[in-house]
């Protein structure tokens, strides 16, 4: 039982890490798009 729980915790941990990476990448991409849009609008 303990090994199964450990495996589930590892999977949950990797899933949350992947979710955090996806959220970080998407938010940084949005920031880049906003900066490019502001730069184009400024010109």
N, C-alpha and C. Protein backbone atom coordinates (compact mmCIF):
# COMPACT_ATOMS: atom_id res chain seq x y z
N UNK A 1 0.84 -1.21 0.00
CA UNK A 1 0.00 0.00 0.00
C UNK A 1 0.87 1.26 0.00
N UNK A 2 1.92 1.23 0.79
CA UNK A 2 2.75 2.44 0.89
C UNK A 2 3.41 2.75 -0.45
N UNK A 3 3.81 1.73 -1.20
CA UNK A 3 4.45 1.97 -2.50
C UNK A 3 3.45 2.57 -3.47
N UNK A 4 2.21 2.10 -3.43
CA UNK A 4 1.16 2.64 -4.31
C UNK A 4 0.93 4.12 -3.98
N UNK A 5 0.86 4.43 -2.69
CA UNK A 5 0.67 5.83 -2.29
C UNK A 5 1.84 6.68 -2.75
N UNK A 6 3.06 6.14 -2.64
CA UNK A 6 4.24 6.89 -3.06
C UNK A 6 4.19 7.15 -4.56
N UNK A 7 3.78 6.15 -5.33
CA UNK A 7 3.68 6.33 -6.78
C UNK A 7 2.63 7.39 -7.12
N UNK A 8 1.50 7.35 -6.42
CA UNK A 8 0.45 8.34 -6.68
C UNK A 8 0.95 9.74 -6.35
N UNK A 9 1.67 9.87 -5.25
CA UNK A 9 2.20 11.18 -4.88
C UNK A 9 3.21 11.67 -5.91
N UNK A 10 4.06 10.76 -6.42
CA UNK A 10 5.03 11.15 -7.45
C UNK A 10 4.31 11.62 -8.70
N UNK A 11 3.29 10.89 -9.11
CA UNK A 11 2.54 11.28 -10.31
C UNK A 11 1.87 12.63 -10.10
N UNK A 12 1.27 12.84 -8.94
CA UNK A 12 0.61 14.11 -8.66
C UNK A 12 1.63 15.24 -8.66
N UNK A 13 2.80 14.97 -8.12
CA UNK A 13 3.85 15.99 -8.07
C UNK A 13 4.31 16.37 -9.47
N UNK A 14 4.56 15.38 -10.32
CA UNK A 14 5.02 15.67 -11.68
C UNK A 14 3.92 16.39 -12.46
N UNK A 15 2.66 16.02 -12.22
CA UNK A 15 1.55 16.67 -12.92
C UNK A 15 1.46 18.13 -12.51
N UNK A 16 1.63 18.41 -11.22
CA UNK A 16 1.55 19.80 -10.76
C UNK A 16 2.73 20.60 -11.29
N UNK A 17 3.90 19.95 -11.39
CA UNK A 17 5.07 20.65 -11.94
C UNK A 17 4.83 20.97 -13.41
N UNK A 18 4.27 20.01 -14.15
CA UNK A 18 3.96 20.27 -15.57
C UNK A 18 2.94 21.39 -15.69
N UNK A 19 1.92 21.39 -14.84
CA UNK A 19 0.90 22.43 -14.89
C UNK A 19 1.53 23.80 -14.59
N UNK A 20 2.43 23.85 -13.61
CA UNK A 20 3.09 25.11 -13.28
C UNK A 20 3.94 25.59 -14.46
N UNK A 21 4.63 24.66 -15.13
CA UNK A 21 5.44 25.04 -16.30
C UNK A 21 4.56 25.58 -17.41
N UNK A 22 3.44 24.91 -17.67
CA UNK A 22 2.54 25.36 -18.73
C UNK A 22 1.98 26.74 -18.41
N UNK A 23 1.58 26.95 -17.14
CA UNK A 23 1.04 28.25 -16.74
C UNK A 23 2.12 29.33 -16.87
N UNK A 24 3.33 29.03 -16.45
CA UNK A 24 4.42 30.00 -16.54
C UNK A 24 4.73 30.34 -17.98
N UNK A 25 4.78 29.33 -18.84
CA UNK A 25 5.08 29.58 -20.26
C UNK A 25 3.99 30.41 -20.91
N UNK A 26 2.73 30.07 -20.65
CA UNK A 26 1.63 30.80 -21.28
C UNK A 26 1.58 32.24 -20.79
N UNK A 27 1.82 32.46 -19.50
CA UNK A 27 1.78 33.83 -18.97
C UNK A 27 2.93 34.66 -19.54
N UNK A 28 4.12 34.06 -19.67
CA UNK A 28 5.25 34.80 -20.25
C UNK A 28 4.98 35.09 -21.72
N UNK A 29 4.35 34.16 -22.43
CA UNK A 29 4.01 34.39 -23.84
C UNK A 29 3.03 35.55 -23.96
N UNK A 30 2.06 35.61 -23.05
CA UNK A 30 1.09 36.72 -23.07
C UNK A 30 1.80 38.04 -22.81
N UNK A 31 2.74 38.05 -21.87
CA UNK A 31 3.49 39.28 -21.58
C UNK A 31 4.27 39.73 -22.80
N UNK A 32 4.91 38.79 -23.50
CA UNK A 32 5.67 39.13 -24.70
C UNK A 32 4.74 39.71 -25.77
N UNK A 33 3.58 39.09 -25.95
CA UNK A 33 2.62 39.59 -26.95
C UNK A 33 2.16 41.00 -26.59
N UNK A 34 1.91 41.23 -25.31
CA UNK A 34 1.46 42.57 -24.89
C UNK A 34 2.56 43.60 -25.15
N UNK A 35 3.80 43.24 -24.85
CA UNK A 35 4.90 44.19 -25.07
C UNK A 35 5.07 44.49 -26.55
N UNK A 36 4.97 43.47 -27.39
CA UNK A 36 5.08 43.67 -28.84
C UNK A 36 3.93 44.55 -29.33
N UNK A 37 2.74 44.29 -28.84
CA UNK A 37 1.58 45.09 -29.23
C UNK A 37 1.75 46.54 -28.82
N UNK A 38 2.24 46.78 -27.62
CA UNK A 38 2.46 48.16 -27.15
C UNK A 38 3.54 48.84 -27.99
N UNK A 39 4.59 48.10 -28.32
CA UNK A 39 5.68 48.68 -29.12
C UNK A 39 5.16 49.04 -30.52
N UNK A 40 4.38 48.17 -31.12
CA UNK A 40 3.83 48.44 -32.45
C UNK A 40 2.87 49.63 -32.39
N UNK A 41 2.05 49.67 -31.37
CA UNK A 41 1.09 50.78 -31.22
C UNK A 41 1.83 52.09 -30.97
N UNK A 42 2.96 52.02 -30.24
CA UNK A 42 3.74 53.23 -29.95
C UNK A 42 4.36 53.82 -31.19
N UNK A 43 4.71 52.96 -32.15
CA UNK A 43 5.29 53.46 -33.38
C UNK A 43 4.18 53.92 -34.30
